[in-house]
C-alpha atoms as a PDB file:
ATOM      1  CA  UNK A   1     -24.149   7.234   0.465  1.00  0.00           C
ATOM      2  CA  UNK A   2     -25.668   4.360  -0.485  1.00  0.00           C
ATOM      3  CA  UNK A   3     -23.963   1.444  -2.211  1.00  0.00           C
ATOM      4  CA  UNK A   4     -24.753  -1.448  -4.692  1.00  0.00           C
ATOM      5  CA  UNK A   5     -23.888  -4.583  -4.761  1.00  0.00           C
ATOM      6  CA  UNK A   6     -24.000  -7.212  -8.011  1.00  0.00           C
ATOM      7  CA  UNK A   7     -22.730 -10.165  -8.636  1.00  0.00           C
ATOM      8  CA  UNK A   8     -21.804 -10.189 -12.548  1.00  0.00           C
ATOM      9  CA  UNK A   9     -21.152 -13.519 -12.507  1.00  0.00           C
ATOM     10  CA  UNK A  10     -18.478 -16.585 -11.645  1.00  0.00           C
ATOM     11  CA  UNK A  11     -17.320 -15.353  -8.265  1.00  0.00           C
ATOM     12  CA  UNK A  12     -16.486 -11.475  -9.911  1.00  0.00           C
ATOM     13  CA  UNK A  13     -18.337  -9.134  -7.416  1.00  0.00           C
ATOM     14  CA  UNK A  14     -18.995  -5.176  -7.824  1.00  0.00           C
ATOM     15  CA  UNK A  15     -19.643  -2.576  -6.253  1.00  0.00           C
ATOM     16  CA  UNK A  16     -21.022   0.711  -6.809  1.00  0.00           C
ATOM     17  CA  UNK A  17     -20.340   3.589  -5.450  1.00  0.00           C
ATOM     18  CA  UNK A  18     -20.229   6.918  -5.699  1.00  0.00           C
ATOM     19  CA  UNK A  19     -20.801   6.874  -9.184  1.00  0.00           C
ATOM     20  CA  UNK A  20     -18.039   4.362  -9.498  1.00  0.00           C
ATOM     21  CA  UNK A  21     -17.401   0.949  -9.701  1.00  0.00           C
ATOM     22  CA  UNK A  22     -14.771  -1.573  -8.064  1.00  0.00           C
ATOM     23  CA  UNK A  23     -14.532  -4.776  -9.286  1.00  0.00           C
ATOM     24  CA  UNK A  24     -13.601  -7.726  -7.403  1.00  0.00           C
ATOM     25  CA  UNK A  25     -12.649 -11.658  -8.965  1.00  0.00           C
ATOM     26  CA  UNK A  26     -11.141 -14.308  -7.535  1.00  0.00           C
ATOM     27  CA  UNK A  27      -7.986 -16.027  -8.975  1.00  0.00           C
ATOM     28  CA  UNK A  28      -7.645 -18.762 -11.528  1.00  0.00           C
ATOM     29  CA  UNK A  29      -6.154 -21.036  -8.948  1.00  0.00           C
ATOM     30  CA  UNK A  30      -9.293 -19.923  -6.294  1.00  0.00           C
ATOM     31  CA  UNK A  31     -12.264 -20.632 -10.021  1.00  0.00           C
ATOM     32  CA  UNK A  32     -12.402 -16.910 -10.398  1.00  0.00           C
ATOM     33  CA  UNK A  33     -11.242 -15.511 -13.345  1.00  0.00           C
ATOM     34  CA  UNK A  34      -8.147 -13.543 -12.727  1.00  0.00           C
ATOM     35  CA  UNK A  35     -10.148 -10.400 -13.628  1.00  0.00           C
ATOM     36  CA  UNK A  36      -9.721  -7.673 -10.487  1.00  0.00           C
ATOM     37  CA  UNK A  37      -8.718  -8.028  -7.843  1.00  0.00           C
ATOM     38  CA  UNK A  38      -9.451 -10.239  -5.123  1.00  0.00           C
ATOM     39  CA  UNK A  39     -11.389  -8.611  -2.086  1.00  0.00           C
ATOM     40  CA  UNK A  40      -8.820  -8.949  -0.016  1.00  0.00           C
ATOM     41  CA  UNK A  41      -6.047  -8.247  -1.982  1.00  0.00           C
ATOM     42  CA  UNK A  42      -8.527  -4.897  -3.018  1.00  0.00           C
ATOM     43  CA  UNK A  43      -9.256  -4.806   0.864  1.00  0.00           C
ATOM     44  CA  UNK A  44      -4.797  -4.668   1.914  1.00  0.00           C
ATOM     45  CA  UNK A  45      -4.379  -2.478  -1.358  1.00  0.00           C
ATOM     46  CA  UNK A  46      -6.831  -0.175   0.447  1.00  0.00           C
ATOM     47  CA  UNK A  47      -5.042   0.388   4.362  1.00  0.00           C
ATOM     48  CA  UNK A  48      -1.997   0.828   2.282  1.00  0.00           C
ATOM     49  CA  UNK A  49      -3.333   3.820   0.322  1.00  0.00           C
ATOM     50  CA  UNK A  50      -5.337   4.993   3.260  1.00  0.00           C
ATOM     51  CA  UNK A  51      -2.291   5.395   5.884  1.00  0.00           C
ATOM     52  CA  UNK A  52       0.109   6.983   2.928  1.00  0.00           C
ATOM     53  CA  UNK A  53      -2.845   9.344   2.187  1.00  0.00           C
ATOM     54  CA  UNK A  54      -3.117  10.228   6.082  1.00  0.00           C
ATOM     55  CA  UNK A  55       0.832   9.568   6.675  1.00  0.00           C
ATOM     56  CA  UNK A  56       0.890  12.703   3.556  1.00  0.00           C
ATOM     57  CA  UNK A  57      -1.607  14.565   4.832  1.00  0.00           C
ATOM     58  CA  UNK A  58       0.433  14.786   8.460  1.00  0.00           C
ATOM     59  CA  UNK A  59       3.854  15.133   6.868  1.00  0.00           C
ATOM     60  CA  UNK A  60       2.626  17.904   4.744  1.00  0.00           C
ATOM     61  CA  UNK A  61       1.241  19.625   7.940  1.00  0.00           C
ATOM     62  CA  UNK A  62       4.356  19.717   9.408  1.00  0.00           C
ATOM     63  CA  UNK A  63       6.474  20.420   6.008  1.00  0.00           C
ATOM     64  CA  UNK A  64       8.066  17.608   6.459  1.00  0.00           C
ATOM     65  CA  UNK A  65      10.099  15.950   3.868  1.00  0.00           C
ATOM     66  CA  UNK A  66       9.785  12.498   3.123  1.00  0.00           C
END
């Protein structure tokens, strides 16, 4: 599925994928407006939620409790 990347201004970047817009910005101290997560913070969050999803599915499939 194609992805579109936009630069709405400042150091903000948006990626449009599967009908959803993912927005990033830099903290004020790094020259941004602090209006969205930084790309690196979003990367860490995506890794964490991906691991959490698969861990949950693994536990469900084996009837394990958290």
